[in-house]
Amino acid sequence: MNKISWSQVQTYVQCPYKWKLNYIDKNRKFTDSIYTVYGKAVHEVIQHYLTVMYDKSIKEADEIDMPNMLVDKVKYFYSEGVKNADGEHFSKQSELTEFCVQGAKALDWFKRHRGEYFTKKNWELLGIEVPIEDKYKSVGVLGYIDVLMRNTKTGKIKIIDLKTSTMGWKKEKTDPMKRGQLLFYKKFIADKYDVDISMVDVEFIIIKRIVWDKGDWPVKWIQRFEPPSANVSINRVFKQVDLFINEGFNKDGSYNTEATYEKLGVNTKCKWCEFAKSPEICDKGKK
């Protein structure tokens, strides 16, 4: 059975032909960048802190040297990225150092203000990188939840997705594909834990890399965003998912190799596409 993820839905909405190249034709060309390396490193540092905090104590969590851990993680993920790129470097030491210094400031702020975002009072940690392995219509569904919490008083479950951003989210808040990710997960987490979907809340926590000092105004390195998650929003998301499945797959869950997949990227992000420099695979970027 073929499996879908939210990233596949995003790709299909952006450009059906790009999705075909990636998944039907098996031409996936993912390469790391300083941003993906940094994002993975920050994720793991914060997730480790939360694991220690909830499984052991806040005191032990606060003793973690988060800046040094970040450096170690950046080095590790960068070396893995270079290895996967057949030895080709995609950053330099000065840039890696700059990102680590900025990240250290964000992590220090997070530790000092942690109580604004995570508390042990009435909350328990259900898991980190919690897998979603389910079925929807004719396909399997695969995903991972960064942080999953449960309120021990109300029984409500909270899905938290950690994001890194240069200076925070603005237009991303109105991007249906950004917001839709957690609404997509919400249904499957409700099924996984056998609760009504109304008992599942969703939240993005965005860790900024750069903030501007605004004098008398307090500067926050962490941004919280709770997207609308009522049934009308969820239904809107699954209309896109349904369209994707109906067009990209046959009734038995196999890929629809007979369909004509549109090349839409030229009007949006064609120049950023991994196939932009491969005219033998996709010539749309020439337009």
C-alpha atoms as a PDB file:
ATOM      1  CA  MET A   1       0.000   0.000   0.000  1.00  0.00           C
ATOM      2  CA  ASN A   2       1.362   3.408  -0.941  1.00  0.00           C
ATOM      3  CA  LYS A   3       1.596   5.917   1.879  1.00  0.00           C
ATOM      4  CA  ILE A   4       0.996   9.647   1.921  1.00  0.00           C
ATOM      5  CA  SER A   5       2.318  12.346   4.224  1.00  0.00           C
ATOM      6  CA  TRP A   6       1.366  15.976   4.626  1.00  0.00           C
ATOM      7  CA  SER A   7       4.489  16.987   2.711  1.00  0.00           C
ATOM      8  CA  GLN A   8       3.151  15.020  -0.260  1.00  0.00           C
ATOM      9  CA  VAL A   9      -0.135  16.913  -0.103  1.00  0.00           C
ATOM     10  CA  GLN A  10       1.805  20.193   0.010  1.00  0.00           C
ATOM     11  CA  THR A  11       3.901  19.190  -2.976  1.00  0.00           C
ATOM     12  CA  TYR A  12       0.841  18.159  -4.980  1.00  0.00           C
ATOM     13  CA  VAL A  13      -0.990  21.418  -4.295  1.00  0.00           C
ATOM     14  CA  GLN A  14       2.125  23.381  -5.248  1.00  0.00           C
ATOM     15  CA  CYS A  15       2.762  21.398  -8.433  1.00  0.00           C
ATOM     16  CA  PRO A  16       1.166  18.043  -9.350  1.00  0.00           C
ATOM     17  CA  TYR A  17       3.954  17.358 -11.861  1.00  0.00           C
ATOM     18  CA  LYS A  18       6.617  17.818  -9.208  1.00  0.00           C
ATOM     19  CA  TRP A  19       4.799  15.282  -7.028  1.00  0.00           C
ATOM     20  CA  LYS A  20       4.723  12.848  -9.977  1.00  0.00           C
ATOM     21  CA  LEU A  21       8.447  13.281 -10.560  1.00  0.00           C
ATOM     22  CA  ASN A  22       9.164  12.662  -6.890  1.00  0.00           C
ATOM     23  CA  TYR A  23       6.870   9.763  -6.094  1.00  0.00           C
ATOM     24  CA  ILE A  24       5.735   8.033  -9.288  1.00  0.00           C
ATOM     25  CA  ASP A  25       8.929   8.487 -11.300  1.00  0.00           C
ATOM     26  CA  LYS A  26      11.178   8.131  -8.226  1.00  0.00           C
ATOM     27  CA  ASN A  27      13.278  11.192  -9.076  1.00  0.00           C
ATOM     28  CA  ARG A  28      13.458  12.551  -5.529  1.00  0.00           C
ATOM     29  CA  LYS A  29      16.424  14.877  -5.126  1.00  0.00           C
ATOM     30  CA  PHE A  30      16.288  16.124  -1.549  1.00  0.00           C
ATOM     31  CA  THR A  31      19.417  17.959  -0.459  1.00  0.00           C
ATOM     32  CA  ASP A  32      20.147  19.572   2.873  1.00  0.00           C
ATOM     33  CA  SER A  33      20.837  23.256   3.438  1.00  0.00           C
ATOM     34  CA  ILE A  34      22.038  25.268   6.407  1.00  0.00           C
ATOM     35  CA  TYR A  35      18.369  25.886   7.220  1.00  0.00           C
ATOM     36  CA  THR A  36      17.384  22.208   7.309  1.00  0.00           C
ATOM     37  CA  VAL A  37      20.507  21.347   9.325  1.00  0.00           C
ATOM     38  CA  TYR A  38      19.800  24.116  11.829  1.00  0.00           C
ATOM     39  CA  GLY A  39      16.121  23.208  12.048  1.00  0.00           C
ATOM     40  CA  LYS A  40      16.819  19.549  12.797  1.00  0.00           C
ATOM     41  CA  ALA A  41      19.424  20.494  15.401  1.00  0.00           C
ATOM     42  CA  VAL A  42      17.125  22.921  17.250  1.00  0.00           C
ATOM     43  CA  HIS A  43      14.330  20.342  17.184  1.00  0.00           C
ATOM     44  CA  GLU A  44      16.456  17.693  18.831  1.00  0.00           C
ATOM     45  CA  VAL A  45      17.831  20.030  21.510  1.00  0.00           C
ATOM     46  CA  ILE A  46      14.384  21.243  22.581  1.00  0.00           C
ATOM     47  CA  GLN A  47      12.905  17.750  22.379  1.00  0.00           C
ATOM     48  CA  HIS A  48      15.705  16.423  24.616  1.00  0.00           C
ATOM     49  CA  TYR A  49      15.095  19.232  27.112  1.00  0.00           C
ATOM     50  CA  LEU A  50      11.360  18.434  27.241  1.00  0.00           C
ATOM     51  CA  THR A  51      11.995  14.708  27.646  1.00  0.00           C
ATOM     52  CA  VAL A  52      14.250  15.326  30.647  1.00  0.00           C
ATOM     53  CA  MET A  53      11.864  17.923  32.076  1.00  0.00           C
ATOM     54  CA  TYR A  54       8.800  15.672  32.010  1.00  0.00           C
ATOM     55  CA  ASP A  55      10.440  12.301  32.611  1.00  0.00           C
ATOM     56  CA  LYS A  56      12.847  13.506  35.311  1.00  0.00           C
ATOM     57  CA  SER A  57      12.762  17.079  36.606  1.00  0.00           C
ATOM     58  CA  ILE A  58      12.868  20.720  35.596  1.00  0.00           C
ATOM     59  CA  LYS A  59      16.100  21.090  37.559  1.00  0.00           C
ATOM     60  CA  GLU A  60      17.841  18.407  35.508  1.00  0.00           C
ATOM     61  CA  ALA A  61      16.488  19.868  32.278  1.00  0.00           C
ATOM     62  CA  ASP A  62      17.800  23.319  33.184  1.00  0.00           C
ATOM     63  CA  GLU A  63      21.254  21.828  33.743  1.00  0.00           C
ATOM     64  CA  ILE A  64      21.495  20.767  30.099  1.00  0.00           C
ATOM     65  CA  ASP A  65      24.078  22.797  28.179  1.00  0.00           C
ATOM     66  CA  MET A  66      21.758  23.556  25.294  1.00  0.00           C
ATOM     67  CA  PRO A  67      24.154  25.809  23.287  1.00  0.00           C
ATOM     68  CA  ASN A  68      26.901  23.161  23.265  1.00  0.00           C
ATOM     69  CA  MET A  69      24.381  20.475  22.434  1.00  0.00           C
ATOM     70  CA  LEU A  70      23.197  22.632  19.519  1.00  0.00           C
ATOM     71  CA  VAL A  71      26.763  22.906  18.201  1.00  0.00           C
ATOM     72  CA  ASP A  72      27.193  19.135  18.383  1.00  0.00           C
ATOM     73  CA  LYS A  73      23.888  18.541  16.597  1.00  0.00           C
ATOM     74  CA  VAL A  74      24.667  21.097  13.861  1.00  0.00           C
ATOM     75  CA  LYS A  75      28.047  19.437  13.262  1.00  0.00           C
ATOM     76  CA  TYR A  76      26.429  16.017  13.090  1.00  0.00           C
ATOM     77  CA  PHE A  77      23.590  16.956  10.726  1.00  0.00           C
ATOM     78  CA  TYR A  78      25.922  19.015   8.550  1.00  0.00           C
ATOM     79  CA  SER A  79      28.356  16.109   8.164  1.00  0.00           C
ATOM     80  CA  GLU A  80      25.440  13.825   7.295  1.00  0.00           C
ATOM     81  CA  GLY A  81      24.215  16.346   4.721  1.00  0.00           C
ATOM     82  CA  VAL A  82      27.648  16.587   3.103  1.00  0.00           C
ATOM     83  CA  LYS A  83      27.894  12.802   3.037  1.00  0.00           C
ATOM     84  CA  ASN A  84      24.505  12.527   1.321  1.00  0.00           C
ATOM     85  CA  ALA A  85      25.623  15.156  -1.187  1.00  0.00           C
ATOM     86  CA  ASP A  86      28.616  13.011  -2.158  1.00  0.00           C
ATOM     87  CA  GLY A  87      31.032  15.217  -0.258  1.00  0.00           C
ATOM     88  CA  GLU A  88      29.829  18.566  -1.610  1.00  0.00           C
ATOM     89  CA  HIS A  89      29.734  21.332   1.028  1.00  0.00           C
ATOM     90  CA  PHE A  90      26.720  23.632   1.132  1.00  0.00           C
ATOM     91  CA  SER A  91      27.830  26.023   3.878  1.00  0.00           C
ATOM     92  CA  LYS A  92      31.016  27.330   5.473  1.00  0.00           C
ATOM     93  CA  GLN A  93      32.377  27.544   8.990  1.00  0.00           C
ATOM     94  CA  SER A  94      31.537  31.226   9.458  1.00  0.00           C
ATOM     95  CA  GLU A  95      27.884  30.617   8.548  1.00  0.00           C
ATOM     96  CA  LEU A  96      27.617  27.547  10.766  1.00  0.00           C
ATOM     97  CA  THR A  97      29.081  29.541  13.648  1.00  0.00           C
ATOM     98  CA  GLU A  98      26.674  32.420  13.027  1.00  0.00           C
ATOM     99  CA  PHE A  99      23.670  30.097  13.134  1.00  0.00           C
ATOM    100  CA  CYS A 100      24.927  28.419  16.317  1.00  0.00           C
ATOM    101  CA  VAL A 101      25.439  31.767  18.063  1.00  0.00           C
ATOM    102  CA  GLN A 102      21.962  32.931  17.093  1.00  0.00           C
ATOM    103  CA  GLY A 103      20.487  29.588  18.108  1.00  0.00           C
ATOM    104  CA  ALA A 104      22.223  29.740  21.491  1.00  0.00           C
ATOM    105  CA  LYS A 105      20.501  33.048  22.217  1.00  0.00           C
ATOM    106  CA  ALA A 106      17.105  31.602  21.285  1.00  0.00           C
ATOM    107  CA  LEU A 107      17.655  28.499  23.426  1.00  0.00           C
ATOM    108  CA  ASP A 108      18.801  30.564  26.403  1.00  0.00           C
ATOM    109  CA  TRP A 109      15.652  32.663  26.098  1.00  0.00           C
ATOM    110  CA  PHE A 110      13.563  29.509  25.816  1.00  0.00           C
ATOM    111  CA  LYS A 111      15.040  28.105  29.028  1.00  0.00           C
ATOM    112  CA  ARG A 112      14.417  31.348  30.954  1.00  0.00           C
ATOM    113  CA  HIS A 113      10.822  31.619  29.691  1.00  0.00           C
ATOM    114  CA  ARG A 114      10.035  27.943  29.411  1.00  0.00           C
ATOM    115  CA  GLY A 115       7.106  28.238  31.814  1.00  0.00           C
ATOM    116  CA  GLU A 116       5.217  30.398  29.318  1.00  0.00           C
ATOM    117  CA  TYR A 117       5.148  27.491  26.872  1.00  0.00           C
ATOM    118  CA  PHE A 118       5.584  24.271  28.838  1.00  0.00           C
ATOM    119  CA  THR A 119       4.523  23.520  32.401  1.00  0.00           C
ATOM    120  CA  LYS A 120       4.328  20.317  34.438  1.00  0.00           C
ATOM    121  CA  LYS A 121       1.193  21.431  36.275  1.00  0.00           C
ATOM    122  CA  ASN A 122      -1.648  19.261  34.940  1.00  0.00           C
ATOM    123  CA  TRP A 123       0.392  18.269  31.866  1.00  0.00           C
ATOM    124  CA  GLU A 124       2.161  15.067  30.883  1.00  0.00           C
ATOM    125  CA  LEU A 125       4.351  14.271  27.915  1.00  0.00           C
ATOM    126  CA  LEU A 126       2.847  11.522  25.755  1.00  0.00           C
ATOM    127  CA  GLY A 127       5.807  11.396  23.456  1.00  0.00           C
ATOM    128  CA  ILE A 128       8.377  12.928  21.147  1.00  0.00           C
ATOM    129  CA  GLU A 129       8.328  12.176  17.410  1.00  0.00           C
ATOM    130  CA  VAL A 130       5.114  10.229  17.933  1.00  0.00           C
ATOM    131  CA  PRO A 131       4.382   8.224  14.760  1.00  0.00           C
ATOM    132  CA  ILE A 132       1.099   8.330  12.894  1.00  0.00           C
ATOM    133  CA  GLU A 133       0.585   5.090  11.008  1.00  0.00           C
ATOM    134  CA  ASP A 134      -2.953   4.849   9.754  1.00  0.00           C
ATOM    135  CA  LYS A 135      -5.061   4.343   6.668  1.00  0.00           C
ATOM    136  CA  TYR A 136      -7.248   6.855   4.879  1.00  0.00           C
ATOM    137  CA  LYS A 137      -9.374   5.821   1.917  1.00  0.00           C
ATOM    138  CA  SER A 138      -7.141   3.656  -0.291  1.00  0.00           C
ATOM    139  CA  VAL A 139      -3.742   4.781   1.025  1.00  0.00           C
ATOM    140  CA  GLY A 140      -1.667   4.589   4.166  1.00  0.00           C
ATOM    141  CA  VAL A 141      -0.849   7.693   6.187  1.00  0.00           C
ATOM    142  CA  LEU A 142       2.543   8.348   7.719  1.00  0.00           C
ATOM    143  CA  GLY A 143       3.622  11.262   9.892  1.00  0.00           C
ATOM    144  CA  TYR A 144       5.407  12.226  13.087  1.00  0.00           C
ATOM    145  CA  ILE A 145       4.335  14.581  15.869  1.00  0.00           C
ATOM    146  CA  ASP A 146       7.176  16.676  17.292  1.00  0.00           C
ATOM    147  CA  VAL A 147       5.679  16.943  20.782  1.00  0.00           C
ATOM    148  CA  LEU A 148       2.483  15.347  22.068  1.00  0.00           C
ATOM    149  CA  MET A 149       1.021  16.405  25.418  1.00  0.00           C
ATOM    150  CA  ARG A 150      -2.023  15.517  27.514  1.00  0.00           C
ATOM    151  CA  ASN A 151      -3.755  17.590  30.155  1.00  0.00           C
ATOM    152  CA  THR A 152      -4.218  15.288  33.144  1.00  0.00           C
ATOM    153  CA  LYS A 153      -7.139  17.368  34.417  1.00  0.00           C
ATOM    154  CA  THR A 154      -9.247  17.737  31.266  1.00  0.00           C
ATOM    155  CA  GLY A 155      -7.953  14.803  29.242  1.00  0.00           C
ATOM    156  CA  LYS A 156      -7.333  17.079  26.266  1.00  0.00           C
ATOM    157  CA  ILE A 157      -4.450  16.202  23.967  1.00  0.00           C
ATOM    158  CA  LYS A 158      -2.233  18.850  22.402  1.00  0.00           C
ATOM    159  CA  ILE A 159      -0.261  18.406  19.188  1.00  0.00           C
ATOM    160  CA  ILE A 160       2.760  20.716  19.094  1.00  0.00           C
ATOM    161  CA  ASP A 161       4.829  21.279  15.991  1.00  0.00           C
ATOM    162  CA  LEU A 162       8.206  22.961  16.418  1.00  0.00           C
ATOM    163  CA  LYS A 163       9.278  25.283  13.628  1.00  0.00           C
ATOM    164  CA  THR A 164      12.412  27.350  13.106  1.00  0.00           C
ATOM    165  CA  SER A 165      12.130  30.653  11.297  1.00  0.00           C
ATOM    166  CA  THR A 166      14.473  33.530  10.537  1.00  0.00           C
ATOM    167  CA  MET A 167      12.294  36.177  12.187  1.00  0.00           C
ATOM    168  CA  GLY A 168       9.006  34.429  12.935  1.00  0.00           C
ATOM    169  CA  TRP A 169       5.772  33.803  11.090  1.00  0.00           C
ATOM    170  CA  LYS A 170       3.695  36.545   9.503  1.00  0.00           C
ATOM    171  CA  LYS A 171       2.243  35.529   6.162  1.00  0.00           C
ATOM    172  CA  GLU A 172       2.730  31.879   7.135  1.00  0.00           C
ATOM    173  CA  LYS A 173      -0.178  32.287   9.549  1.00  0.00           C
ATOM    174  CA  THR A 174      -2.549  32.697   6.621  1.00  0.00           C
ATOM    175  CA  ASP A 175      -0.948  29.995   4.460  1.00  0.00           C
ATOM    176  CA  PRO A 176      -3.505  27.156   4.390  1.00  0.00           C
ATOM    177  CA  MET A 177      -0.799  24.596   3.645  1.00  0.00           C
ATOM    178  CA  LYS A 178       1.224  25.622   6.687  1.00  0.00           C
ATOM    179  CA  ARG A 179      -1.821  25.611   8.937  1.00  0.00           C
ATOM    180  CA  GLY A 180      -3.238  22.464   7.408  1.00  0.00           C
ATOM    181  CA  GLN A 181      -0.432  20.219   8.614  1.00  0.00           C
ATOM    182  CA  LEU A 182      -1.658  19.993  12.191  1.00  0.00           C
ATOM    183  CA  LEU A 183      -5.312  19.811  11.187  1.00  0.00           C
ATOM    184  CA  PHE A 184      -4.390  16.801   9.079  1.00  0.00           C
ATOM    185  CA  TYR A 185      -2.648  15.194  12.066  1.00  0.00           C
ATOM    186  CA  LYS A 186      -5.519  16.048  14.407  1.00  0.00           C
ATOM    187  CA  LYS A 187      -7.913  13.477  12.943  1.00  0.00           C
ATOM    188  CA  PHE A 188      -5.415  10.628  13.161  1.00  0.00           C
ATOM    189  CA  ILE A 189      -4.291  11.458  16.700  1.00  0.00           C
ATOM    190  CA  ALA A 190      -7.942  11.484  17.793  1.00  0.00           C
ATOM    191  CA  ASP A 191      -8.286   8.014  16.265  1.00  0.00           C
ATOM    192  CA  LYS A 192      -5.003   6.788  17.751  1.00  0.00           C
ATOM    193  CA  TYR A 193      -5.983   7.772  21.298  1.00  0.00           C
ATOM    194  CA  ASP A 194      -9.688   7.012  20.843  1.00  0.00           C
ATOM    195  CA  VAL A 195     -10.931  10.487  21.764  1.00  0.00           C
ATOM    196  CA  ASP A 196     -13.356  12.871  20.112  1.00  0.00           C
ATOM    197  CA  ILE A 197     -11.610  15.156  17.660  1.00  0.00           C
ATOM    198  CA  SER A 198     -12.733  18.162  19.735  1.00  0.00           C
ATOM    199  CA  MET A 199     -10.449  16.857  22.503  1.00  0.00           C
ATOM    200  CA  VAL A 200      -7.356  17.467  20.385  1.00  0.00           C
ATOM    201  CA  ASP A 201      -5.795  20.931  20.215  1.00  0.00           C
ATOM    202  CA  VAL A 202      -3.024  22.027  17.862  1.00  0.00           C
ATOM    203  CA  GLU A 203      -0.231  24.542  18.243  1.00  0.00           C
ATOM    204  CA  PHE A 204       2.831  25.738  16.381  1.00  0.00           C
ATOM    205  CA  ILE A 205       5.817  26.916  18.409  1.00  0.00           C
ATOM    206  CA  ILE A 206       8.139  28.953  16.197  1.00  0.00           C
ATOM    207  CA  ILE A 207      11.726  29.482  17.313  1.00  0.00           C
ATOM    208  CA  LYS A 208      13.146  32.634  15.757  1.00  0.00           C
ATOM    209  CA  ARG A 209      16.779  32.853  14.721  1.00  0.00           C
ATOM    210  CA  ILE A 210      16.951  36.658  14.643  1.00  0.00           C
ATOM    211  CA  VAL A 211      15.059  39.246  16.677  1.00  0.00           C
ATOM    212  CA  TRP A 212      15.339  43.002  16.584  1.00  0.00           C
ATOM    213  CA  ASP A 213      15.720  44.833  19.878  1.00  0.00           C
ATOM    214  CA  LYS A 214      12.802  47.252  20.063  1.00  0.00           C
ATOM    215  CA  GLY A 215      13.943  49.178  23.106  1.00  0.00           C
ATOM    216  CA  ASP A 216      11.150  49.340  25.667  1.00  0.00           C
ATOM    217  CA  TRP A 217       9.197  46.532  24.002  1.00  0.00           C
ATOM    218  CA  PRO A 218       9.982  43.010  25.247  1.00  0.00           C
ATOM    219  CA  VAL A 219      11.696  40.846  22.656  1.00  0.00           C
ATOM    220  CA  LYS A 220      10.422  37.283  22.310  1.00  0.00           C
ATOM    221  CA  TRP A 221      12.454  34.600  20.606  1.00  0.00           C
ATOM    222  CA  ILE A 222       9.543  32.160  20.682  1.00  0.00           C
ATOM    223  CA  GLN A 223       6.250  32.683  18.863  1.00  0.00           C
ATOM    224  CA  ARG A 224       3.124  30.659  19.576  1.00  0.00           C
ATOM    225  CA  PHE A 225       0.431  30.168  16.968  1.00  0.00           C
ATOM    226  CA  GLU A 226      -2.792  28.194  17.389  1.00  0.00           C
ATOM    227  CA  PRO A 227      -4.482  27.887  13.990  1.00  0.00           C
ATOM    228  CA  PRO A 228      -8.281  27.679  13.736  1.00  0.00           C
ATOM    229  CA  SER A 229      -9.096  23.987  14.114  1.00  0.00           C
ATOM    230  CA  ALA A 230     -12.880  23.747  14.107  1.00  0.00           C
ATOM    231  CA  ASN A 231     -14.613  21.202  11.891  1.00  0.00           C
ATOM    232  CA  VAL A 232     -15.002  23.689   9.048  1.00  0.00           C
ATOM    233  CA  SER A 233     -11.205  24.142   8.903  1.00  0.00           C
ATOM    234  CA  ILE A 234     -10.576  20.410   9.122  1.00  0.00           C
ATOM    235  CA  ASN A 235     -13.088  19.716   6.355  1.00  0.00           C
ATOM    236  CA  ARG A 236     -11.350  22.270   4.148  1.00  0.00           C
ATOM    237  CA  VAL A 237      -8.027  20.486   4.641  1.00  0.00           C
ATOM    238  CA  PHE A 238      -9.462  17.073   3.849  1.00  0.00           C
ATOM    239  CA  LYS A 239     -11.067  18.367   0.660  1.00  0.00           C
ATOM    240  CA  GLN A 240      -7.520  19.006  -0.561  1.00  0.00           C
ATOM    241  CA  VAL A 241      -6.378  15.610   0.689  1.00  0.00           C
ATOM    242  CA  ASP A 242      -9.342  13.902  -1.026  1.00  0.00           C
ATOM    243  CA  LEU A 243      -8.607  15.695  -4.308  1.00  0.00           C
ATOM    244  CA  PHE A 244      -4.970  14.620  -4.110  1.00  0.00           C
ATOM    245  CA  ILE A 245      -5.856  10.978  -3.467  1.00  0.00           C
ATOM    246  CA  ASN A 246      -8.595  10.893  -6.116  1.00  0.00           C
ATOM    247  CA  GLU A 247      -6.265  12.291  -8.787  1.00  0.00           C
ATOM    248  CA  GLY A 248      -2.979  10.670  -7.788  1.00  0.00           C
ATOM    249  CA  PHE A 249      -4.082   7.158  -6.863  1.00  0.00           C
ATOM    250  CA  ASN A 250      -6.244   4.371  -8.212  1.00  0.00           C
ATOM    251  CA  LYS A 251      -8.991   2.760  -6.142  1.00  0.00           C
ATOM    252  CA  ASP A 252      -6.611  -0.015  -5.055  1.00  0.00           C
ATOM    253  CA  GLY A 253      -4.115   2.513  -3.699  1.00  0.00           C
ATOM    254  CA  SER A 254      -1.638   2.208  -6.574  1.00  0.00           C
ATOM    255  CA  TYR A 255      -0.298   5.325  -8.267  1.00  0.00           C
ATOM    256  CA  ASN A 256      -2.370   6.707 -11.131  1.00  0.00           C
ATOM    257  CA  THR A 257       0.238   6.549 -13.881  1.00  0.00           C
ATOM    258  CA  GLU A 258      -2.282   7.367 -16.604  1.00  0.00           C
ATOM    259  CA  ALA A 259      -3.242  10.814 -15.295  1.00  0.00           C
ATOM    260  CA  THR A 260      -1.948  14.069 -16.733  1.00  0.00           C
ATOM    261  CA  TYR A 261      -0.195  16.037 -14.011  1.00  0.00           C
ATOM    262  CA  GLU A 262      -0.072  19.803 -14.436  1.00  0.00           C
ATOM    263  CA  LYS A 263       3.139  21.805 -14.240  1.00  0.00           C
ATOM    264  CA  LEU A 264       2.157  24.682 -11.967  1.00  0.00           C
ATOM    265  CA  GLY A 265       5.430  25.684 -10.364  1.00  0.00           C
ATOM    266  CA  VAL A 266       6.346  28.324 -12.944  1.00  0.00           C
ATOM    267  CA  ASN A 267       3.819  30.695 -11.396  1.00  0.00           C
ATOM    268  CA  THR A 268       4.970  30.171  -7.822  1.00  0.00           C
ATOM    269  CA  LYS A 269       8.205  28.508  -6.774  1.00  0.00           C
ATOM    270  CA  CYS A 270       9.551  26.958  -9.947  1.00  0.00           C
ATOM    271  CA  LYS A 271      12.968  28.579  -9.515  1.00  0.00           C
ATOM    272  CA  TRP A 272      13.334  26.906  -6.110  1.00  0.00           C
ATOM    273  CA  CYS A 273      12.361  23.474  -7.414  1.00  0.00           C
ATOM    274  CA  GLU A 274      14.977  20.725  -7.276  1.00  0.00           C
ATOM    275  CA  PHE A 275      14.220  19.991 -10.951  1.00  0.00           C
ATOM    276  CA  ALA A 276      14.709  23.593 -12.131  1.00  0.00           C
ATOM    277  CA  LYS A 277      18.180  22.766 -13.499  1.00  0.00           C
ATOM    278  CA  SER A 278      17.121  19.475 -15.053  1.00  0.00           C
ATOM    279  CA  PRO A 279      15.331  20.397 -18.333  1.00  0.00           C
ATOM    280  CA  GLU A 280      15.514  16.768 -19.439  1.00  0.00           C
ATOM    281  CA  ILE A 281      13.166  15.968 -16.533  1.00  0.00           C
ATOM    282  CA  CYS A 282      11.070  19.152 -16.436  1.00  0.00           C
ATOM    283  CA  ASP A 283      11.336  22.054 -18.872  1.00  0.00           C
ATOM    284  CA  LYS A 284       8.664  24.226 -17.256  1.00  0.00           C
ATOM    285  CA  GLY A 285      11.218  26.559 -15.657  1.00  0.00           C
ATOM    286  CA  LYS A 286      12.284  27.707 -19.125  1.00  0.00           C
ATOM    287  CA  LYS A 287       8.987  29.500 -19.714  1.00  0.00           C
END
